[in-house]
N, C-alpha and C. Protein backbone atom coordinates (compact mmCIF):
# COMPACT_ATOMS: atom_id res chain seq x y z
N MET A 1 59.03 22.35 -99.26
CA MET A 1 58.16 21.69 -98.33
C MET A 1 58.42 22.27 -96.95
N SER A 2 57.42 22.30 -96.14
CA SER A 2 57.54 22.92 -94.82
C SER A 2 58.31 22.01 -93.88
N SER A 3 58.85 22.63 -92.83
CA SER A 3 59.65 21.88 -91.87
C SER A 3 58.80 20.94 -91.04
N CYS A 4 57.53 21.20 -91.04
CA CYS A 4 56.64 20.38 -90.25
C CYS A 4 55.81 19.50 -91.19
N ALA A 5 56.44 18.64 -91.80
CA ALA A 5 55.73 17.76 -92.72
C ALA A 5 55.32 16.49 -91.97
N PHE A 6 54.25 16.00 -92.42
CA PHE A 6 53.74 14.79 -91.81
C PHE A 6 54.57 13.60 -92.30
N ILE A 7 55.40 13.10 -91.40
CA ILE A 7 56.25 11.99 -91.79
C ILE A 7 55.97 10.83 -90.85
N GLU A 8 55.60 9.78 -91.38
CA GLU A 8 55.36 8.52 -90.71
C GLU A 8 54.85 8.64 -89.29
N ASN A 9 53.70 9.02 -89.08
CA ASN A 9 52.97 9.13 -87.82
C ASN A 9 53.59 10.10 -86.80
N GLN A 10 54.39 11.00 -87.25
CA GLN A 10 54.93 12.01 -86.33
C GLN A 10 54.15 13.30 -86.55
N LEU A 11 53.82 13.91 -85.47
CA LEU A 11 53.10 15.18 -85.55
C LEU A 11 54.05 16.34 -85.25
N CYS A 12 53.71 17.46 -85.76
CA CYS A 12 54.51 18.66 -85.52
C CYS A 12 54.23 19.21 -84.13
N ASP A 13 55.22 19.93 -83.57
CA ASP A 13 55.02 20.58 -82.27
C ASP A 13 53.95 21.65 -82.38
N ILE A 14 53.31 21.88 -81.24
CA ILE A 14 52.31 22.95 -81.19
C ILE A 14 53.03 24.26 -81.00
N HIS A 15 52.73 25.23 -81.81
CA HIS A 15 53.32 26.56 -81.68
C HIS A 15 52.39 27.43 -80.86
N LEU A 16 52.84 27.79 -79.64
CA LEU A 16 52.03 28.62 -78.75
C LEU A 16 52.18 30.09 -79.13
N PRO A 17 51.13 30.87 -78.88
CA PRO A 17 51.25 32.29 -79.18
C PRO A 17 52.20 32.98 -78.19
N GLU A 18 52.67 34.15 -78.55
CA GLU A 18 53.54 34.94 -77.67
C GLU A 18 52.78 35.27 -76.39
N PRO A 19 53.45 35.26 -75.23
CA PRO A 19 52.74 35.63 -73.99
C PRO A 19 52.34 37.11 -74.03
N LEU A 20 51.22 37.39 -73.38
CA LEU A 20 50.73 38.77 -73.35
C LEU A 20 51.65 39.63 -72.51
N SER A 21 51.90 40.82 -72.98
CA SER A 21 52.78 41.75 -72.29
C SER A 21 51.94 42.77 -71.54
N PHE A 22 52.41 43.16 -70.33
CA PHE A 22 51.70 44.20 -69.59
C PHE A 22 52.12 45.59 -70.04
N TRP A 23 53.22 45.66 -70.75
CA TRP A 23 53.69 46.97 -71.23
C TRP A 23 53.95 46.88 -72.71
N PRO A 24 53.54 47.78 -73.46
CA PRO A 24 52.74 48.97 -73.17
C PRO A 24 51.28 48.58 -72.97
N PHE A 25 50.62 49.39 -72.16
CA PHE A 25 49.21 49.14 -71.88
C PHE A 25 48.37 49.34 -73.13
N ALA A 26 47.26 48.64 -73.13
CA ALA A 26 46.29 48.83 -74.20
C ALA A 26 45.61 50.18 -74.01
N PRO A 27 45.05 50.78 -75.05
CA PRO A 27 44.42 52.11 -74.94
C PRO A 27 43.31 52.17 -73.88
N GLY A 28 42.61 51.10 -73.68
CA GLY A 28 41.55 51.09 -72.67
C GLY A 28 42.09 51.30 -71.26
N TYR A 29 43.25 50.73 -70.97
CA TYR A 29 43.87 50.91 -69.66
C TYR A 29 44.29 52.37 -69.47
N TRP A 30 44.82 52.99 -70.53
CA TRP A 30 45.22 54.40 -70.42
C TRP A 30 44.02 55.29 -70.12
N ILE A 31 42.89 54.97 -70.71
CA ILE A 31 41.66 55.75 -70.44
C ILE A 31 41.24 55.57 -68.99
N VAL A 32 41.27 54.34 -68.50
CA VAL A 32 40.89 54.07 -67.11
C VAL A 32 41.85 54.79 -66.15
N ILE A 33 43.15 54.74 -66.43
CA ILE A 33 44.13 55.42 -65.59
C ILE A 33 43.88 56.92 -65.59
N GLY A 34 43.59 57.49 -66.75
CA GLY A 34 43.30 58.92 -66.84
C GLY A 34 42.07 59.31 -66.04
N VAL A 35 41.02 58.51 -66.13
CA VAL A 35 39.79 58.80 -65.38
C VAL A 35 40.05 58.70 -63.88
N VAL A 36 40.81 57.71 -63.44
CA VAL A 36 41.12 57.56 -62.01
C VAL A 36 41.92 58.75 -61.50
N ILE A 37 42.92 59.18 -62.27
CA ILE A 37 43.71 60.34 -61.87
C ILE A 37 42.84 61.58 -61.81
N LEU A 38 41.98 61.77 -62.78
CA LEU A 38 41.06 62.92 -62.79
C LEU A 38 40.13 62.89 -61.58
N LEU A 39 39.61 61.72 -61.24
CA LEU A 39 38.73 61.60 -60.08
C LEU A 39 39.48 61.88 -58.78
N LEU A 40 40.70 61.39 -58.66
CA LEU A 40 41.49 61.65 -57.45
C LEU A 40 41.80 63.13 -57.30
N CYS A 41 42.18 63.79 -58.38
CA CYS A 41 42.49 65.22 -58.32
C CYS A 41 41.26 66.04 -57.98
N SER A 42 40.15 65.74 -58.63
CA SER A 42 38.93 66.51 -58.34
C SER A 42 38.42 66.22 -56.93
N GLY A 43 38.57 65.00 -56.46
CA GLY A 43 38.18 64.68 -55.08
C GLY A 43 39.05 65.40 -54.07
N GLY A 44 40.35 65.48 -54.33
CA GLY A 44 41.25 66.23 -53.44
C GLY A 44 40.93 67.71 -53.43
N TRP A 45 40.64 68.27 -54.59
CA TRP A 45 40.28 69.68 -54.68
C TRP A 45 38.97 69.94 -53.91
N TRP A 46 38.00 69.03 -54.07
CA TRP A 46 36.72 69.21 -53.39
C TRP A 46 36.91 69.13 -51.87
N LEU A 47 37.71 68.18 -51.40
CA LEU A 47 37.97 68.07 -49.96
C LEU A 47 38.66 69.32 -49.43
N TYR A 48 39.62 69.84 -50.18
CA TYR A 48 40.30 71.06 -49.77
C TYR A 48 39.32 72.22 -49.65
N LYS A 49 38.46 72.39 -50.65
CA LYS A 49 37.47 73.47 -50.62
C LYS A 49 36.48 73.27 -49.46
N TYR A 50 36.03 72.03 -49.27
CA TYR A 50 35.08 71.74 -48.21
C TYR A 50 35.70 72.03 -46.85
N TYR A 51 36.94 71.59 -46.65
CA TYR A 51 37.61 71.80 -45.37
C TYR A 51 37.82 73.28 -45.10
N SER A 52 38.29 74.01 -46.10
CA SER A 52 38.54 75.44 -45.89
C SER A 52 37.24 76.19 -45.65
N GLN A 53 36.18 75.80 -46.33
CA GLN A 53 34.89 76.45 -46.11
C GLN A 53 34.35 76.11 -44.72
N SER A 54 34.56 74.88 -44.27
CA SER A 54 34.03 74.50 -42.97
C SER A 54 34.75 75.25 -41.84
N VAL A 55 36.06 75.49 -42.00
CA VAL A 55 36.79 76.25 -40.99
C VAL A 55 36.25 77.66 -40.92
N LYS A 56 36.05 78.26 -42.08
CA LYS A 56 35.53 79.63 -42.13
C LYS A 56 34.12 79.69 -41.54
N ASN A 57 33.30 78.74 -41.92
CA ASN A 57 31.91 78.74 -41.42
C ASN A 57 31.85 78.54 -39.91
N LEU A 58 32.68 77.65 -39.38
CA LEU A 58 32.70 77.45 -37.93
C LEU A 58 33.17 78.71 -37.20
N ALA A 59 34.18 79.38 -37.74
CA ALA A 59 34.68 80.60 -37.11
C ALA A 59 33.63 81.70 -37.16
N LEU A 60 32.92 81.81 -38.27
CA LEU A 60 31.87 82.83 -38.38
C LEU A 60 30.70 82.53 -37.43
N LYS A 61 30.38 81.26 -37.26
CA LYS A 61 29.32 80.89 -36.30
C LYS A 61 29.74 81.26 -34.88
N GLU A 62 30.99 80.98 -34.54
CA GLU A 62 31.48 81.32 -33.21
C GLU A 62 31.48 82.83 -33.00
N LEU A 63 31.85 83.57 -34.03
CA LEU A 63 31.84 85.03 -33.94
C LEU A 63 30.41 85.55 -33.77
N LYS A 64 29.48 84.95 -34.47
CA LYS A 64 28.06 85.35 -34.33
C LYS A 64 27.58 85.08 -32.90
N HIS A 65 27.97 83.95 -32.35
CA HIS A 65 27.61 83.61 -30.98
C HIS A 65 28.24 84.61 -30.00
N LEU A 66 29.49 84.98 -30.23
CA LEU A 66 30.15 85.97 -29.37
C LEU A 66 29.43 87.32 -29.43
N ARG A 67 29.05 87.71 -30.63
CA ARG A 67 28.36 88.98 -30.81
C ARG A 67 27.02 88.99 -30.07
N ALA A 68 26.34 87.85 -30.10
CA ALA A 68 25.03 87.76 -29.43
C ALA A 68 25.18 87.73 -27.91
N SER A 69 26.27 87.15 -27.42
CA SER A 69 26.43 87.01 -25.97
C SER A 69 27.28 88.12 -25.34
N TYR A 70 27.75 89.06 -26.14
CA TYR A 70 28.58 90.15 -25.62
C TYR A 70 27.77 91.04 -24.69
N GLN A 71 28.28 91.25 -23.46
CA GLN A 71 27.55 92.07 -22.48
C GLN A 71 28.51 93.02 -21.77
N ASN A 72 29.21 93.83 -22.52
CA ASN A 72 30.13 94.83 -21.98
C ASN A 72 31.25 94.25 -21.13
N ASN A 73 31.55 92.99 -21.29
CA ASN A 73 32.70 92.40 -20.63
C ASN A 73 33.88 92.51 -21.59
N HIS A 74 34.56 93.65 -21.56
CA HIS A 74 35.59 93.95 -22.54
C HIS A 74 36.76 92.98 -22.49
N THR A 75 37.15 92.60 -21.30
CA THR A 75 38.31 91.71 -21.15
C THR A 75 38.02 90.37 -21.82
N ARG A 76 36.89 89.80 -21.50
CA ARG A 76 36.51 88.50 -22.06
C ARG A 76 36.36 88.60 -23.58
N LEU A 77 35.76 89.67 -24.05
CA LEU A 77 35.54 89.83 -25.48
C LEU A 77 36.86 89.91 -26.24
N VAL A 78 37.77 90.73 -25.78
CA VAL A 78 39.04 90.91 -26.49
C VAL A 78 39.85 89.62 -26.47
N ILE A 79 39.88 88.94 -25.36
CA ILE A 79 40.62 87.68 -25.27
C ILE A 79 40.00 86.64 -26.19
N THR A 80 38.70 86.55 -26.19
CA THR A 80 38.01 85.56 -27.03
C THR A 80 38.21 85.86 -28.52
N LEU A 81 38.11 87.12 -28.90
CA LEU A 81 38.33 87.48 -30.31
C LEU A 81 39.78 87.21 -30.73
N SER A 82 40.71 87.50 -29.85
CA SER A 82 42.10 87.25 -30.15
C SER A 82 42.37 85.75 -30.33
N ILE A 83 41.78 84.94 -29.47
CA ILE A 83 41.94 83.48 -29.57
C ILE A 83 41.30 82.98 -30.86
N LEU A 84 40.13 83.49 -31.20
CA LEU A 84 39.46 83.08 -32.43
C LEU A 84 40.31 83.42 -33.66
N LEU A 85 40.84 84.63 -33.70
CA LEU A 85 41.69 85.02 -34.82
C LEU A 85 42.93 84.12 -34.91
N ARG A 86 43.52 83.83 -33.79
CA ARG A 86 44.73 83.00 -33.79
C ARG A 86 44.40 81.58 -34.24
N ARG A 87 43.28 81.04 -33.81
CA ARG A 87 42.90 79.69 -34.23
C ARG A 87 42.69 79.62 -35.74
N VAL A 88 42.00 80.62 -36.28
CA VAL A 88 41.78 80.64 -37.73
C VAL A 88 43.11 80.79 -38.46
N ALA A 89 43.98 81.65 -37.94
CA ALA A 89 45.29 81.86 -38.58
C ALA A 89 46.13 80.59 -38.54
N LEU A 90 46.09 79.86 -37.44
CA LEU A 90 46.87 78.63 -37.33
C LEU A 90 46.39 77.54 -38.29
N VAL A 91 45.10 77.54 -38.57
CA VAL A 91 44.56 76.57 -39.51
C VAL A 91 44.85 77.00 -40.95
N THR A 92 44.81 78.30 -41.19
CA THR A 92 44.93 78.81 -42.55
C THR A 92 46.37 78.96 -43.02
N PHE A 93 47.26 79.38 -42.14
CA PHE A 93 48.64 79.66 -42.51
C PHE A 93 49.57 78.64 -41.84
N PRO A 94 50.81 78.52 -42.33
CA PRO A 94 51.76 77.59 -41.70
C PRO A 94 52.02 77.96 -40.24
N ARG A 95 52.11 76.96 -39.42
CA ARG A 95 52.26 77.16 -37.97
C ARG A 95 53.48 78.01 -37.61
N HIS A 96 54.60 77.77 -38.27
CA HIS A 96 55.82 78.52 -37.95
C HIS A 96 55.69 80.01 -38.28
N GLN A 97 54.77 80.34 -39.15
CA GLN A 97 54.57 81.72 -39.55
C GLN A 97 53.69 82.48 -38.55
N VAL A 98 52.85 81.77 -37.81
CA VAL A 98 51.84 82.42 -36.97
C VAL A 98 52.09 82.23 -35.47
N ALA A 99 52.56 81.08 -35.07
CA ALA A 99 52.55 80.69 -33.65
C ALA A 99 53.31 81.64 -32.74
N GLY A 100 54.42 82.18 -33.18
CA GLY A 100 55.23 83.01 -32.29
C GLY A 100 54.89 84.49 -32.30
N LEU A 101 53.89 84.88 -33.06
CA LEU A 101 53.56 86.30 -33.17
C LEU A 101 52.76 86.79 -31.98
N HIS A 102 53.08 88.02 -31.52
CA HIS A 102 52.30 88.66 -30.46
C HIS A 102 52.54 90.16 -30.55
N GLY A 103 51.68 90.90 -29.92
CA GLY A 103 51.82 92.36 -29.90
C GLY A 103 51.71 92.98 -31.28
N ILE A 104 52.61 93.90 -31.59
CA ILE A 104 52.55 94.63 -32.85
C ILE A 104 52.83 93.72 -34.04
N LYS A 105 53.66 92.70 -33.85
CA LYS A 105 53.94 91.75 -34.95
C LYS A 105 52.67 90.99 -35.34
N TRP A 106 51.89 90.63 -34.34
CA TRP A 106 50.63 89.93 -34.59
C TRP A 106 49.66 90.85 -35.35
N LEU A 107 49.58 92.09 -34.93
CA LEU A 107 48.69 93.04 -35.61
C LEU A 107 49.17 93.32 -37.04
N GLN A 108 50.47 93.41 -37.24
CA GLN A 108 51.00 93.61 -38.59
C GLN A 108 50.70 92.40 -39.48
N PHE A 109 50.78 91.21 -38.91
CA PHE A 109 50.43 90.00 -39.66
C PHE A 109 48.97 90.05 -40.07
N LEU A 110 48.09 90.42 -39.14
CA LEU A 110 46.66 90.50 -39.46
C LEU A 110 46.41 91.56 -40.53
N ASP A 111 47.10 92.70 -40.45
CA ASP A 111 46.96 93.73 -41.47
C ASP A 111 47.44 93.23 -42.83
N HIS A 112 48.58 92.58 -42.83
CA HIS A 112 49.15 92.10 -44.09
C HIS A 112 48.25 91.06 -44.74
N THR A 113 47.78 90.11 -43.96
CA THR A 113 46.95 89.04 -44.53
C THR A 113 45.52 89.50 -44.80
N GLY A 114 45.09 90.57 -44.16
CA GLY A 114 43.75 91.08 -44.39
C GLY A 114 43.68 92.26 -45.33
N ASN A 115 44.84 92.69 -45.87
CA ASN A 115 44.91 93.84 -46.77
C ASN A 115 44.24 95.06 -46.17
N THR A 116 44.61 95.37 -44.95
CA THR A 116 44.02 96.50 -44.24
C THR A 116 45.08 97.13 -43.34
N LYS A 117 44.73 98.24 -42.75
CA LYS A 117 45.59 98.88 -41.74
C LYS A 117 44.81 99.04 -40.43
N ALA A 118 43.64 98.44 -40.37
CA ALA A 118 42.74 98.63 -39.22
C ALA A 118 43.22 97.92 -37.95
N PHE A 119 44.10 96.95 -38.08
CA PHE A 119 44.57 96.26 -36.88
C PHE A 119 45.68 97.05 -36.19
N THR A 120 46.55 97.69 -36.95
CA THR A 120 47.64 98.45 -36.33
C THR A 120 47.27 99.89 -36.04
N SER A 121 46.30 100.44 -36.77
CA SER A 121 45.97 101.85 -36.54
C SER A 121 44.47 102.12 -36.45
N GLY A 122 43.66 101.08 -36.32
CA GLY A 122 42.22 101.26 -36.24
C GLY A 122 41.62 100.58 -35.03
N SER A 123 40.42 100.09 -35.21
CA SER A 123 39.70 99.48 -34.08
C SER A 123 40.32 98.17 -33.62
N GLY A 124 41.11 97.51 -34.48
CA GLY A 124 41.74 96.25 -34.10
C GLY A 124 42.98 96.40 -33.27
N GLN A 125 43.40 97.64 -33.06
CA GLN A 125 44.62 97.93 -32.30
C GLN A 125 44.53 97.38 -30.87
N ILE A 126 43.33 97.32 -30.35
CA ILE A 126 43.14 96.87 -28.97
C ILE A 126 43.49 95.39 -28.80
N LEU A 127 43.46 94.62 -29.88
CA LEU A 127 43.78 93.19 -29.80
C LEU A 127 45.25 92.95 -29.46
N GLY A 128 46.10 93.92 -29.68
CA GLY A 128 47.51 93.76 -29.37
C GLY A 128 47.86 93.98 -27.92
N THR A 129 47.07 94.79 -27.23
CA THR A 129 47.41 95.14 -25.85
C THR A 129 46.36 94.71 -24.83
N ALA A 130 45.10 94.73 -25.20
CA ALA A 130 44.02 94.49 -24.24
C ALA A 130 44.04 93.12 -23.57
N PRO A 131 44.44 92.04 -24.26
CA PRO A 131 44.44 90.75 -23.56
C PRO A 131 45.38 90.73 -22.35
N TYR A 132 46.30 91.69 -22.27
CA TYR A 132 47.27 91.72 -21.18
C TYR A 132 46.94 92.78 -20.14
N GLN A 133 45.83 93.48 -20.30
CA GLN A 133 45.42 94.52 -19.35
C GLN A 133 44.32 93.99 -18.44
N LYS A 134 44.19 94.60 -17.26
CA LYS A 134 43.15 94.16 -16.33
C LYS A 134 41.76 94.56 -16.81
N LYS A 135 41.58 95.82 -17.13
CA LYS A 135 40.27 96.30 -17.56
C LYS A 135 40.41 97.16 -18.82
N PRO A 136 40.48 96.51 -19.97
CA PRO A 136 40.60 97.28 -21.20
C PRO A 136 39.29 97.96 -21.55
N GLN A 137 39.38 99.07 -22.25
CA GLN A 137 38.20 99.80 -22.68
C GLN A 137 38.11 99.75 -24.21
N ILE A 138 37.02 99.22 -24.70
CA ILE A 138 36.78 99.15 -26.13
C ILE A 138 35.87 100.31 -26.51
N GLU A 139 36.35 101.13 -27.44
CA GLU A 139 35.55 102.28 -27.85
C GLU A 139 34.38 101.87 -28.74
N ASP A 140 34.64 101.00 -29.71
CA ASP A 140 33.59 100.61 -30.65
C ASP A 140 33.64 99.09 -30.86
N ALA A 141 32.87 98.38 -30.06
CA ALA A 141 32.88 96.91 -30.15
C ALA A 141 32.32 96.43 -31.48
N GLU A 142 31.34 97.13 -32.03
CA GLU A 142 30.74 96.72 -33.30
C GLU A 142 31.76 96.81 -34.44
N ALA A 143 32.58 97.85 -34.44
CA ALA A 143 33.62 97.99 -35.45
C ALA A 143 34.65 96.86 -35.31
N LEU A 144 34.96 96.48 -34.09
CA LEU A 144 35.88 95.38 -33.85
C LEU A 144 35.30 94.06 -34.36
N PHE A 145 34.03 93.83 -34.06
CA PHE A 145 33.35 92.62 -34.58
C PHE A 145 33.39 92.61 -36.11
N ASN A 146 33.07 93.73 -36.73
CA ASN A 146 33.06 93.79 -38.20
C ASN A 146 34.45 93.55 -38.79
N LEU A 147 35.46 94.10 -38.14
CA LEU A 147 36.82 93.91 -38.61
C LEU A 147 37.23 92.44 -38.54
N VAL A 148 36.94 91.79 -37.43
CA VAL A 148 37.27 90.37 -37.27
C VAL A 148 36.48 89.54 -38.28
N GLU A 149 35.21 89.86 -38.46
CA GLU A 149 34.38 89.11 -39.42
C GLU A 149 34.92 89.26 -40.84
N THR A 150 35.32 90.45 -41.22
CA THR A 150 35.88 90.67 -42.55
C THR A 150 37.17 89.88 -42.73
N TRP A 151 38.02 89.88 -41.72
CA TRP A 151 39.28 89.14 -41.82
C TRP A 151 39.01 87.64 -41.98
N ILE A 152 38.07 87.11 -41.23
CA ILE A 152 37.76 85.68 -41.32
C ILE A 152 37.18 85.35 -42.68
N LYS A 153 36.32 86.19 -43.21
CA LYS A 153 35.70 85.91 -44.52
C LYS A 153 36.72 85.91 -45.64
N GLN A 154 37.80 86.62 -45.47
CA GLN A 154 38.85 86.64 -46.50
C GLN A 154 39.66 85.36 -46.53
N ARG A 155 39.53 84.53 -45.55
CA ARG A 155 40.34 83.31 -45.52
C ARG A 155 39.81 82.33 -46.51
């Protein structure tokens, strides 16, 4: 006979079910967690791509504006191009790697990151010295514009 027998108007205790456990999760929760992680990762990747593209696009727009407004003012042009390159480099690369560079080290950095030799031995050579001269002479401004544009597009 069972332990809970009906004896003289006494009722058996109510047996409650086991409390629900939060661990381990049910399969539906694992699917939801997986979808949330996937959405967060893809959203982060999209933001990274959008941000990097926007920096490049803004720099190329500024370069286009400089090219259109260039009027044989070599000093202003070289300083502005140098500042533009440095701004893009500071956004693209770690600050400690770029901030202290100047002169030949700066040109070597641009060559290394641009897979070229045009900054140290080509038309970009003027960017290392001209910002510090009173009246620099640029031999081929169009080649300099093209070099800077190519470097920015590689970012």
